[in-house]
Amino acid sequence: MQKIRIIIFLILLLCSVSSCYAEVNSSSSQLVASKEQGAHVYFQSGVAKGSIRDYVGAIADFSKAISIDGNLAQAYWARGLARAKVSDFKGAVEDFSQTIQINPNIKNAYYMRGLSRKEMNDFEGAIEDLNKEISFNPKNSYAYLNRGLCYKEISNFLAAIEDFNQVLSFDNKNAEAYYYKAGCEWQMNNYDAAIKDYTNVITLNPEYANAYFNRASIKWNLNDFSGAVQDYSHAIELNSKDSDAYFLRGISYIFIKDYQHAISDFEKAKNLSLTKEDYDKYEGIMELIKLVQSDGKVDSISSN
């Protein structure tokens, strides 16, 4: 009888212990579920704030999600985006790096870190990240475009041109790619190629003032002063406050011996320089006007 009582006691004890373990396991599961739910709530709140451009509020919410779940890769990724939006590129790089450490396959992490490094003028680091992005996604034209810009910044113009050409192979109507490619060709003294590319830009976007301005400057270097006058005139039509365009058109007029129009342009450039409080330029143009008046035997023409 005593033995039966002992056996019954042991059975009851085991059942009690099993029940305790079940309660503990249930509590742990609930805690984990609650933790994941809390991180998700803050993450979704951050996404909502980001969608209305409340990036500071979004950063705060993503940070709370990360404090609850330090392995939530998408929270680091989203916080990196928000930090980039407020120009905290150093913080963005840190967040994208953490994203990659947790999940190296998360979409666009290398691309976004590359863009942030580019903004920090870390062009070599940006190129490394954009290389990674291109290896994962060889049809990302924006990755080629931005890598080309990085190569351009470190004066690797040939590599930059290759990347811009790759962009154009995806989209032969990409005015930006033509524009930046033209700048590289210009740097390499390939003037004909640069003019051709700027012409493509203008064909695609007739209101691209800088394309007219740059094409005019190349024509000036090639002694095509009449062509330079035409392009500077287009640039001025699109941006009437461009003192450099007036000044350089005035110089071009001198070479074709149109002194009256030259002085008119110098007067406008002089007045714009005064408005911008660029007094050194103002004084320099004043002296130039006197020289032109003397050599060209023309009277001063007021732009007012």
C-alpha atoms as a PDB file:
ATOM      1  CA  MET A   1       0.000   0.000   0.000  1.00  0.00           C
ATOM      2  CA  GLN A   2       2.852   2.355   0.896  1.00  0.00           C
ATOM      3  CA  LYS A   3       4.529   1.619  -2.450  1.00  0.00           C
ATOM      4  CA  ILE A   4       1.314   2.474  -4.329  1.00  0.00           C
ATOM      5  CA  ARG A   5       1.085   5.823  -2.519  1.00  0.00           C
ATOM      6  CA  ILE A   6       4.704   6.646  -3.442  1.00  0.00           C
ATOM      7  CA  ILE A   7       4.080   5.823  -7.111  1.00  0.00           C
ATOM      8  CA  ILE A   8       0.918   7.972  -7.165  1.00  0.00           C
ATOM      9  CA  PHE A   9       2.874  10.850  -5.531  1.00  0.00           C
ATOM     10  CA  LEU A  10       5.635  10.615  -8.149  1.00  0.00           C
ATOM     11  CA  ILE A  11       3.091  10.618 -10.992  1.00  0.00           C
ATOM     12  CA  LEU A  12       1.380  13.721  -9.569  1.00  0.00           C
ATOM     13  CA  LEU A  13       4.757  15.422  -9.097  1.00  0.00           C
ATOM     14  CA  LEU A  14       5.762  14.741 -12.688  1.00  0.00           C
ATOM     15  CA  CYS A  15       2.439  16.071 -13.930  1.00  0.00           C
ATOM     16  CA  SER A  16       2.916  19.210 -11.849  1.00  0.00           C
ATOM     17  CA  VAL A  17       6.436  19.769 -13.198  1.00  0.00           C
ATOM     18  CA  SER A  18       5.252  19.218 -16.774  1.00  0.00           C
ATOM     19  CA  SER A  19       2.496  21.760 -16.199  1.00  0.00           C
ATOM     20  CA  CYS A  20       5.041  24.300 -14.923  1.00  0.00           C
ATOM     21  CA  TYR A  21       7.240  23.749 -17.972  1.00  0.00           C
ATOM     22  CA  ALA A  22       4.228  24.197 -20.238  1.00  0.00           C
ATOM     23  CA  GLU A  23       3.354  27.479 -18.502  1.00  0.00           C
ATOM     24  CA  VAL A  24       6.956  28.704 -18.801  1.00  0.00           C
ATOM     25  CA  ASN A  25       7.126  27.773 -22.492  1.00  0.00           C
ATOM     26  CA  SER A  26       3.767  29.428 -23.105  1.00  0.00           C
ATOM     27  CA  SER A  27       4.959  32.607 -21.363  1.00  0.00           C
ATOM     28  CA  SER A  28       8.200  32.630 -23.397  1.00  0.00           C
ATOM     29  CA  SER A  29       6.291  32.231 -26.649  1.00  0.00           C
ATOM     30  CA  GLN A  30       3.947  35.038 -25.676  1.00  0.00           C
ATOM     31  CA  LEU A  31       6.933  37.255 -24.777  1.00  0.00           C
ATOM     32  CA  VAL A  32       8.626  36.594 -28.126  1.00  0.00           C
ATOM     33  CA  ALA A  33       5.369  37.198 -29.977  1.00  0.00           C
ATOM     34  CA  SER A  34       4.805  40.410 -28.020  1.00  0.00           C
ATOM     35  CA  LYS A  35       8.359  41.554 -28.760  1.00  0.00           C
ATOM     36  CA  GLU A  36       8.008  40.905 -32.495  1.00  0.00           C
ATOM     37  CA  GLN A  37       4.610  42.590 -32.524  1.00  0.00           C
ATOM     38  CA  GLY A  38       5.975  45.681 -30.742  1.00  0.00           C
ATOM     39  CA  ALA A  39       8.892  46.012 -33.180  1.00  0.00           C
ATOM     40  CA  HIS A  40       6.494  45.575 -36.100  1.00  0.00           C
ATOM     41  CA  VAL A  41       4.153  48.286 -34.774  1.00  0.00           C
ATOM     42  CA  TYR A  42       6.995  50.820 -34.512  1.00  0.00           C
ATOM     43  CA  PHE A  43       8.325  49.759 -37.926  1.00  0.00           C
ATOM     44  CA  GLN A  44       4.944  50.311 -39.585  1.00  0.00           C
ATOM     45  CA  SER A  45       4.578  53.636 -37.802  1.00  0.00           C
ATOM     46  CA  GLY A  46       7.973  54.667 -39.161  1.00  0.00           C
ATOM     47  CA  VAL A  47       6.937  53.672 -42.675  1.00  0.00           C
ATOM     48  CA  ALA A  48       3.751  55.735 -42.349  1.00  0.00           C
ATOM     49  CA  LYS A  49       5.685  58.793 -41.147  1.00  0.00           C
ATOM     50  CA  GLY A  50       8.213  58.398 -43.934  1.00  0.00           C
ATOM     51  CA  SER A  51       5.398  58.350 -46.497  1.00  0.00           C
ATOM     52  CA  ILE A  52       4.353  61.854 -45.371  1.00  0.00           C
ATOM     53  CA  ARG A  53       7.997  63.018 -45.290  1.00  0.00           C
ATOM     54  CA  ASP A  54       8.207  63.163 -41.513  1.00  0.00           C
ATOM     55  CA  TYR A  55      11.687  61.669 -41.677  1.00  0.00           C
ATOM     56  CA  VAL A  56      12.698  62.734 -38.163  1.00  0.00           C
ATOM     57  CA  GLY A  57       9.636  60.998 -36.730  1.00  0.00           C
ATOM     58  CA  ALA A  58      10.296  57.969 -38.931  1.00  0.00           C
ATOM     59  CA  ILE A  59      13.881  57.721 -37.660  1.00  0.00           C
ATOM     60  CA  ALA A  60      12.618  57.801 -34.066  1.00  0.00           C
ATOM     61  CA  ASP A  61      10.145  54.977 -34.731  1.00  0.00           C
ATOM     62  CA  PHE A  62      12.644  52.823 -36.611  1.00  0.00           C
ATOM     63  CA  SER A  63      15.073  53.314 -33.718  1.00  0.00           C
ATOM     64  CA  LYS A  64      12.420  52.069 -31.274  1.00  0.00           C
ATOM     65  CA  ALA A  65      11.801  49.023 -33.458  1.00  0.00           C
ATOM     66  CA  ILE A  66      15.548  48.321 -33.491  1.00  0.00           C
ATOM     67  CA  SER A  67      15.790  48.726 -29.700  1.00  0.00           C
ATOM     68  CA  ILE A  68      13.140  45.982 -29.377  1.00  0.00           C
ATOM     69  CA  ASP A  69      14.558  43.713 -32.077  1.00  0.00           C
ATOM     70  CA  GLY A  70      18.195  44.386 -32.936  1.00  0.00           C
ATOM     71  CA  ASN A  71      18.104  41.915 -35.826  1.00  0.00           C
ATOM     72  CA  LEU A  72      15.291  43.574 -37.746  1.00  0.00           C
ATOM     73  CA  ALA A  73      17.173  44.194 -40.995  1.00  0.00           C
ATOM     74  CA  GLN A  74      14.342  46.069 -42.690  1.00  0.00           C
ATOM     75  CA  ALA A  75      14.232  48.580 -39.817  1.00  0.00           C
ATOM     76  CA  TYR A  76      17.929  49.394 -40.282  1.00  0.00           C
ATOM     77  CA  TRP A  77      17.372  49.653 -44.043  1.00  0.00           C
ATOM     78  CA  ALA A  78      14.371  51.962 -43.652  1.00  0.00           C
ATOM     79  CA  ARG A  79      16.149  54.102 -41.051  1.00  0.00           C
ATOM     80  CA  GLY A  80      19.093  54.387 -43.438  1.00  0.00           C
ATOM     81  CA  LEU A  81      16.742  55.716 -46.132  1.00  0.00           C
ATOM     82  CA  ALA A  82      15.230  58.238 -43.712  1.00  0.00           C
ATOM     83  CA  ARG A  83      18.663  59.380 -42.549  1.00  0.00           C
ATOM     84  CA  ALA A  84      19.739  59.901 -46.144  1.00  0.00           C
ATOM     85  CA  LYS A  85      16.632  62.041 -46.655  1.00  0.00           C
ATOM     86  CA  VAL A  86      17.793  64.399 -43.864  1.00  0.00           C
ATOM     87  CA  SER A  87      21.371  64.376 -45.235  1.00  0.00           C
ATOM     88  CA  ASP A  88      22.743  62.260 -42.367  1.00  0.00           C
ATOM     89  CA  PHE A  89      24.777  60.206 -44.811  1.00  0.00           C
ATOM     90  CA  LYS A  90      27.216  58.944 -42.177  1.00  0.00           C
ATOM     91  CA  GLY A  91      24.290  57.518 -40.181  1.00  0.00           C
ATOM     92  CA  ALA A  92      22.794  56.125 -43.379  1.00  0.00           C
ATOM     93  CA  VAL A  93      26.029  54.300 -44.226  1.00  0.00           C
ATOM     94  CA  GLU A  94      26.099  52.807 -40.712  1.00  0.00           C
ATOM     95  CA  ASP A  95      22.505  51.588 -41.052  1.00  0.00           C
ATOM     96  CA  PHE A  96      22.995  50.099 -44.515  1.00  0.00           C
ATOM     97  CA  SER A  97      26.170  48.392 -43.258  1.00  0.00           C
ATOM     98  CA  GLN A  98      24.187  46.854 -40.387  1.00  0.00           C
ATOM     99  CA  THR A  99      21.506  45.780 -42.853  1.00  0.00           C
ATOM    100  CA  ILE A 100      24.099  44.014 -44.990  1.00  0.00           C
ATOM    101  CA  GLN A 101      25.620  42.336 -41.925  1.00  0.00           C
ATOM    102  CA  ILE A 102      22.229  40.908 -40.907  1.00  0.00           C
ATOM    103  CA  ASN A 103      20.987  40.116 -44.411  1.00  0.00           C
ATOM    104  CA  PRO A 104      23.479  40.617 -47.259  1.00  0.00           C
ATOM    105  CA  ASN A 105      20.793  39.724 -49.808  1.00  0.00           C
ATOM    106  CA  ILE A 106      18.355  42.474 -48.884  1.00  0.00           C
ATOM    107  CA  LYS A 107      17.407  44.423 -52.001  1.00  0.00           C
ATOM    108  CA  ASN A 108      19.284  47.650 -52.835  1.00  0.00           C
ATOM    109  CA  ALA A 109      21.319  47.785 -49.599  1.00  0.00           C
ATOM    110  CA  TYR A 110      24.645  48.066 -51.439  1.00  0.00           C
ATOM    111  CA  TYR A 111      23.119  50.532 -53.899  1.00  0.00           C
ATOM    112  CA  MET A 112      21.817  52.838 -51.175  1.00  0.00           C
ATOM    113  CA  ARG A 113      25.062  52.624 -49.213  1.00  0.00           C
ATOM    114  CA  GLY A 114      26.924  53.469 -52.413  1.00  0.00           C
ATOM    115  CA  LEU A 115      24.766  56.560 -52.987  1.00  0.00           C
ATOM    116  CA  SER A 116      25.319  57.680 -49.387  1.00  0.00           C
ATOM    117  CA  ARG A 117      29.081  57.241 -49.712  1.00  0.00           C
ATOM    118  CA  LYS A 118      28.963  59.228 -52.950  1.00  0.00           C
ATOM    119  CA  GLU A 119      27.267  62.089 -51.093  1.00  0.00           C
ATOM    120  CA  MET A 120      30.085  61.952 -48.524  1.00  0.00           C
ATOM    121  CA  ASN A 121      32.622  62.221 -51.382  1.00  0.00           C
ATOM    122  CA  ASP A 122      33.864  58.711 -50.595  1.00  0.00           C
ATOM    123  CA  PHE A 123      33.938  57.922 -54.300  1.00  0.00           C
ATOM    124  CA  GLU A 124      36.165  54.839 -54.032  1.00  0.00           C
ATOM    125  CA  GLY A 125      33.879  53.314 -51.393  1.00  0.00           C
ATOM    126  CA  ALA A 126      30.837  54.215 -53.452  1.00  0.00           C
ATOM    127  CA  ILE A 127      32.310  52.519 -56.531  1.00  0.00           C
ATOM    128  CA  GLU A 128      32.900  49.328 -54.514  1.00  0.00           C
ATOM    129  CA  ASP A 129      29.276  49.279 -53.373  1.00  0.00           C
ATOM    130  CA  LEU A 130      27.926  50.059 -56.831  1.00  0.00           C
ATOM    131  CA  ASN A 131      30.085  47.250 -58.237  1.00  0.00           C
ATOM    132  CA  LYS A 132      28.314  44.914 -55.793  1.00  0.00           C
ATOM    133  CA  GLU A 133      24.901  46.255 -56.782  1.00  0.00           C
ATOM    134  CA  ILE A 134      25.673  45.802 -60.486  1.00  0.00           C
ATOM    135  CA  SER A 135      26.869  42.226 -59.876  1.00  0.00           C
ATOM    136  CA  PHE A 136      23.501  41.483 -58.207  1.00  0.00           C
ATOM    137  CA  ASN A 137      21.417  43.569 -60.594  1.00  0.00           C
ATOM    138  CA  PRO A 138      23.224  44.146 -63.914  1.00  0.00           C
ATOM    139  CA  LYS A 139      20.250  46.040 -65.351  1.00  0.00           C
ATOM    140  CA  ASN A 140      20.170  48.761 -62.710  1.00  0.00           C
ATOM    141  CA  SER A 141      20.838  51.751 -64.976  1.00  0.00           C
ATOM    142  CA  TYR A 142      20.926  54.125 -61.995  1.00  0.00           C
ATOM    143  CA  ALA A 143      23.813  52.158 -60.517  1.00  0.00           C
ATOM    144  CA  TYR A 144      25.794  52.615 -63.747  1.00  0.00           C
ATOM    145  CA  LEU A 145      24.898  56.313 -63.891  1.00  0.00           C
ATOM    146  CA  ASN A 146      26.028  56.960 -60.318  1.00  0.00           C
ATOM    147  CA  ARG A 147      29.147  54.842 -60.684  1.00  0.00           C
ATOM    148  CA  GLY A 148      29.952  56.876 -63.803  1.00  0.00           C
ATOM    149  CA  LEU A 149      29.595  60.069 -61.778  1.00  0.00           C
ATOM    150  CA  CYS A 150      31.983  58.666 -59.155  1.00  0.00           C
ATOM    151  CA  TYR A 151      34.533  57.741 -61.821  1.00  0.00           C
ATOM    152  CA  LYS A 152      34.151  61.267 -63.228  1.00  0.00           C
ATOM    153  CA  GLU A 153      34.904  62.768 -59.807  1.00  0.00           C
ATOM    154  CA  ILE A 154      38.180  60.832 -59.542  1.00  0.00           C
ATOM    155  CA  SER A 155      39.062  61.782 -63.153  1.00  0.00           C
ATOM    156  CA  ASN A 156      38.724  58.264 -64.534  1.00  0.00           C
ATOM    157  CA  PHE A 157      36.921  59.634 -67.563  1.00  0.00           C
ATOM    158  CA  LEU A 158      37.225  56.526 -69.729  1.00  0.00           C
ATOM    159  CA  ALA A 159      35.523  54.357 -67.097  1.00  0.00           C
ATOM    160  CA  ALA A 160      32.886  57.047 -66.609  1.00  0.00           C
ATOM    161  CA  ILE A 161      32.138  57.170 -70.343  1.00  0.00           C
ATOM    162  CA  GLU A 162      31.792  53.374 -70.407  1.00  0.00           C
ATOM    163  CA  ASP A 163      29.204  53.566 -67.636  1.00  0.00           C
ATOM    164  CA  PHE A 164      27.267  56.393 -69.291  1.00  0.00           C
ATOM    165  CA  ASN A 165      27.280  54.415 -72.547  1.00  0.00           C
ATOM    166  CA  GLN A 166      25.895  51.448 -70.621  1.00  0.00           C
ATOM    167  CA  VAL A 167      23.062  53.641 -69.349  1.00  0.00           C
ATOM    168  CA  LEU A 168      22.376  54.739 -72.927  1.00  0.00           C
ATOM    169  CA  SER A 169      22.297  51.116 -74.056  1.00  0.00           C
ATOM    170  CA  PHE A 170      19.317  50.677 -71.714  1.00  0.00           C
ATOM    171  CA  ASP A 171      17.738  54.021 -72.647  1.00  0.00           C
ATOM    172  CA  ASN A 172      19.063  56.037 -75.587  1.00  0.00           C
ATOM    173  CA  LYS A 173      16.902  58.999 -74.558  1.00  0.00           C
ATOM    174  CA  ASN A 174      18.535  59.538 -71.190  1.00  0.00           C
ATOM    175  CA  ALA A 175      19.518  63.223 -71.344  1.00  0.00           C
ATOM    176  CA  GLU A 176      21.490  63.037 -68.084  1.00  0.00           C
ATOM    177  CA  ALA A 177      23.751  60.286 -69.406  1.00  0.00           C
ATOM    178  CA  TYR A 178      24.487  62.300 -72.559  1.00  0.00           C
ATOM    179  CA  TYR A 179      25.144  65.418 -70.474  1.00  0.00           C
ATOM    180  CA  TYR A 180      27.625  63.794 -68.091  1.00  0.00           C
ATOM    181  CA  LYS A 181      29.267  61.858 -70.920  1.00  0.00           C
ATOM    182  CA  ALA A 182      29.747  65.141 -72.798  1.00  0.00           C
ATOM    183  CA  GLY A 183      31.500  66.600 -69.757  1.00  0.00           C
ATOM    184  CA  CYS A 184      33.945  63.688 -69.713  1.00  0.00           C
ATOM    185  CA  GLU A 185      34.591  63.983 -73.451  1.00  0.00           C
ATOM    186  CA  TRP A 186      35.274  67.694 -72.941  1.00  0.00           C
ATOM    187  CA  GLN A 187      37.758  66.933 -70.163  1.00  0.00           C
ATOM    188  CA  MET A 188      39.578  64.604 -72.552  1.00  0.00           C
ATOM    189  CA  ASN A 189      39.610  67.314 -75.280  1.00  0.00           C
ATOM    190  CA  ASN A 190      37.312  65.243 -77.474  1.00  0.00           C
ATOM    191  CA  TYR A 191      35.476  68.384 -78.533  1.00  0.00           C
ATOM    192  CA  ASP A 192      33.524  66.955 -81.463  1.00  0.00           C
ATOM    193  CA  ALA A 193      32.214  64.086 -79.331  1.00  0.00           C
ATOM    194  CA  ALA A 194      31.306  66.512 -76.536  1.00  0.00           C
ATOM    195  CA  ILE A 195      29.418  68.801 -78.925  1.00  0.00           C
ATOM    196  CA  LYS A 196      27.562  65.804 -80.324  1.00  0.00           C
ATOM    197  CA  ASP A 197      26.530  64.699 -76.842  1.00  0.00           C
ATOM    198  CA  TYR A 198      25.422  68.191 -75.782  1.00  0.00           C
ATOM    199  CA  THR A 199      23.425  68.376 -79.015  1.00  0.00           C
ATOM    200  CA  ASN A 200      21.705  65.112 -78.046  1.00  0.00           C
ATOM    201  CA  VAL A 201      20.880  66.620 -74.645  1.00  0.00           C
ATOM    202  CA  ILE A 202      19.357  69.697 -76.282  1.00  0.00           C
ATOM    203  CA  THR A 203      17.379  67.555 -78.743  1.00  0.00           C
ATOM    204  CA  LEU A 204      15.902  65.588 -75.847  1.00  0.00           C
ATOM    205  CA  ASN A 205      15.470  68.605 -73.568  1.00  0.00           C
ATOM    206  CA  PRO A 206      15.484  71.981 -75.373  1.00  0.00           C
ATOM    207  CA  GLU A 207      15.280  73.789 -72.014  1.00  0.00           C
ATOM    208  CA  TYR A 208      18.554  72.394 -70.639  1.00  0.00           C
ATOM    209  CA  ALA A 209      20.332  75.755 -70.201  1.00  0.00           C
ATOM    210  CA  ASN A 210      23.655  74.274 -69.056  1.00  0.00           C
ATOM    211  CA  ALA A 211      23.882  72.166 -72.207  1.00  0.00           C
ATOM    212  CA  TYR A 212      23.677  75.295 -74.360  1.00  0.00           C
ATOM    213  CA  PHE A 213      26.180  77.078 -72.106  1.00  0.00           C
ATOM    214  CA  ASN A 214      28.713  74.231 -72.217  1.00  0.00           C
ATOM    215  CA  ARG A 215      28.329  73.692 -75.957  1.00  0.00           C
ATOM    216  CA  ALA A 216      28.886  77.424 -76.445  1.00  0.00           C
ATOM    217  CA  SER A 217      32.083  77.268 -74.380  1.00  0.00           C
ATOM    218  CA  ILE A 218      33.444  74.406 -76.485  1.00  0.00           C
ATOM    219  CA  LYS A 219      32.603  76.292 -79.680  1.00  0.00           C
ATOM    220  CA  TRP A 220      34.438  79.288 -78.214  1.00  0.00           C
ATOM    221  CA  ASN A 221      37.512  77.087 -77.645  1.00  0.00           C
ATOM    222  CA  LEU A 222      37.262  76.010 -81.291  1.00  0.00           C
ATOM    223  CA  ASN A 223      37.119  79.669 -82.410  1.00  0.00           C
ATOM    224  CA  ASP A 224      33.526  79.270 -83.581  1.00  0.00           C
ATOM    225  CA  PHE A 225      32.521  82.592 -82.030  1.00  0.00           C
ATOM    226  CA  SER A 226      29.312  83.010 -84.029  1.00  0.00           C
ATOM    227  CA  GLY A 227      28.202  79.548 -82.915  1.00  0.00           C
ATOM    228  CA  ALA A 228      29.153  80.437 -79.338  1.00  0.00           C
ATOM    229  CA  VAL A 229      27.020  83.611 -79.509  1.00  0.00           C
ATOM    230  CA  GLN A 230      24.021  81.573 -80.650  1.00  0.00           C
ATOM    231  CA  ASP A 231      24.352  79.040 -77.835  1.00  0.00           C
ATOM    232  CA  TYR A 232      25.026  81.622 -75.133  1.00  0.00           C
ATOM    233  CA  SER A 233      21.927  83.447 -76.380  1.00  0.00           C
ATOM    234  CA  HIS A 234      19.827  80.284 -75.872  1.00  0.00           C
ATOM    235  CA  ALA A 235      21.301  79.866 -72.397  1.00  0.00           C
ATOM    236  CA  ILE A 236      20.392  83.474 -71.557  1.00  0.00           C
ATOM    237  CA  GLU A 237      16.847  83.002 -72.861  1.00  0.00           C
ATOM    238  CA  LEU A 238      16.458  80.130 -70.398  1.00  0.00           C
ATOM    239  CA  ASN A 239      18.280  81.852 -67.529  1.00  0.00           C
ATOM    240  CA  SER A 240      18.352  85.631 -67.775  1.00  0.00           C
ATOM    241  CA  LYS A 241      20.280  85.920 -64.478  1.00  0.00           C
ATOM    242  CA  ASP A 242      23.345  84.039 -65.736  1.00  0.00           C
ATOM    243  CA  SER A 243      26.070  86.689 -65.550  1.00  0.00           C
ATOM    244  CA  ASP A 244      28.695  84.275 -66.915  1.00  0.00           C
ATOM    245  CA  ALA A 245      26.653  83.714 -70.072  1.00  0.00           C
ATOM    246  CA  TYR A 246      26.371  87.466 -70.672  1.00  0.00           C
ATOM    247  CA  PHE A 247      30.081  87.934 -70.008  1.00  0.00           C
ATOM    248  CA  LEU A 248      31.221  85.123 -72.307  1.00  0.00           C
ATOM    249  CA  ARG A 249      28.787  86.141 -75.032  1.00  0.00           C
ATOM    250  CA  GLY A 250      30.284  89.623 -74.755  1.00  0.00           C
ATOM    251  CA  ILE A 251      33.769  88.173 -75.231  1.00  0.00           C
ATOM    252  CA  SER A 252      32.495  86.249 -78.263  1.00  0.00           C
ATOM    253  CA  TYR A 253      31.061  89.443 -79.733  1.00  0.00           C
ATOM    254  CA  ILE A 254      34.494  91.068 -79.446  1.00  0.00           C
ATOM    255  CA  PHE A 255      36.032  88.356 -81.631  1.00  0.00           C
ATOM    256  CA  ILE A 256      33.464  88.953 -84.350  1.00  0.00           C
ATOM    257  CA  LYS A 257      34.012  92.716 -83.912  1.00  0.00           C
ATOM    258  CA  ASP A 258      30.494  93.456 -82.718  1.00  0.00           C
ATOM    259  CA  TYR A 259      31.633  95.853 -80.004  1.00  0.00           C
ATOM    260  CA  GLN A 260      28.268  97.445 -79.398  1.00  0.00           C
ATOM    261  CA  HIS A 261      26.644  94.129 -78.426  1.00  0.00           C
ATOM    262  CA  ALA A 262      29.767  93.209 -76.469  1.00  0.00           C
ATOM    263  CA  ILE A 263      29.480  96.296 -74.269  1.00  0.00           C
ATOM    264  CA  SER A 264      25.741  95.716 -73.831  1.00  0.00           C
ATOM    265  CA  ASP A 265      26.462  92.196 -72.529  1.00  0.00           C
ATOM    266  CA  PHE A 266      29.250  93.426 -70.255  1.00  0.00           C
ATOM    267  CA  GLU A 267      26.904  96.036 -68.785  1.00  0.00           C
ATOM    268  CA  LYS A 268      24.368  93.303 -67.970  1.00  0.00           C
ATOM    269  CA  ALA A 269      27.070  91.047 -66.503  1.00  0.00           C
ATOM    270  CA  LYS A 270      28.376  93.998 -64.466  1.00  0.00           C
ATOM    271  CA  ASN A 271      24.936  94.799 -63.026  1.00  0.00           C
ATOM    272  CA  LEU A 272      24.255  91.152 -62.164  1.00  0.00           C
ATOM    273  CA  SER A 273      27.647  90.955 -60.421  1.00  0.00           C
ATOM    274  CA  LEU A 274      26.727  94.012 -58.359  1.00  0.00           C
ATOM    275  CA  THR A 275      23.406  92.399 -57.415  1.00  0.00           C
ATOM    276  CA  LYS A 276      25.293  89.309 -56.236  1.00  0.00           C
ATOM    277  CA  GLU A 277      27.799  91.523 -54.376  1.00  0.00           C
ATOM    278  CA  ASP A 278      30.657  90.095 -56.442  1.00  0.00           C
ATOM    279  CA  TYR A 279      32.619  93.344 -56.346  1.00  0.00           C
ATOM    280  CA  ASP A 280      35.866  91.945 -57.776  1.00  0.00           C
ATOM    281  CA  LYS A 281      34.042  90.767 -60.886  1.00  0.00           C
ATOM    282  CA  TYR A 282      32.181  94.073 -61.071  1.00  0.00           C
ATOM    283  CA  GLU A 283      35.441  96.063 -61.062  1.00  0.00           C
ATOM    284  CA  GLY A 284      37.014  93.724 -63.624  1.00  0.00           C
ATOM    285  CA  ILE A 285      34.118  94.130 -66.036  1.00  0.00           C
ATOM    286  CA  MET A 286      34.234  97.915 -65.595  1.00  0.00           C
ATOM    287  CA  GLU A 287      37.858  97.899 -66.737  1.00  0.00           C
ATOM    288  CA  LEU A 288      37.035  95.611 -69.656  1.00  0.00           C
ATOM    289  CA  ILE A 289      34.255  97.937 -70.801  1.00  0.00           C
ATOM    290  CA  LYS A 290      36.714 100.839 -70.865  1.00  0.00           C
ATOM    291  CA  LEU A 291      39.148  98.817 -72.992  1.00  0.00           C
ATOM    292  CA  VAL A 292      36.462  97.808 -75.473  1.00  0.00           C
ATOM    293  CA  GLN A 293      35.200 101.366 -75.700  1.00  0.00           C
ATOM    294  CA  SER A 294      38.706 102.532 -76.426  1.00  0.00           C
ATOM    295  CA  ASP A 295      39.601  99.833 -78.972  1.00  0.00           C
ATOM    296  CA  GLY A 296      36.174  99.591 -80.596  1.00  0.00           C
ATOM    297  CA  LYS A 297      35.520 103.335 -80.546  1.00  0.00           C
ATOM    298  CA  VAL A 298      31.966 102.840 -79.248  1.00  0.00           C
ATOM    299  CA  ASP A 299      29.938 104.598 -76.584  1.00  0.00           C
ATOM    300  CA  SER A 300      28.797 102.913 -73.393  1.00  0.00           C
ATOM    301  CA  ILE A 301      25.327 101.423 -73.588  1.00  0.00           C
ATOM    302  CA  SER A 302      23.266 101.251 -70.429  1.00  0.00           C
ATOM    303  CA  SER A 303      21.290  98.073 -69.851  1.00  0.00           C
ATOM    304  CA  ASN A 304      18.696  99.968 -67.867  1.00  0.00           C
END
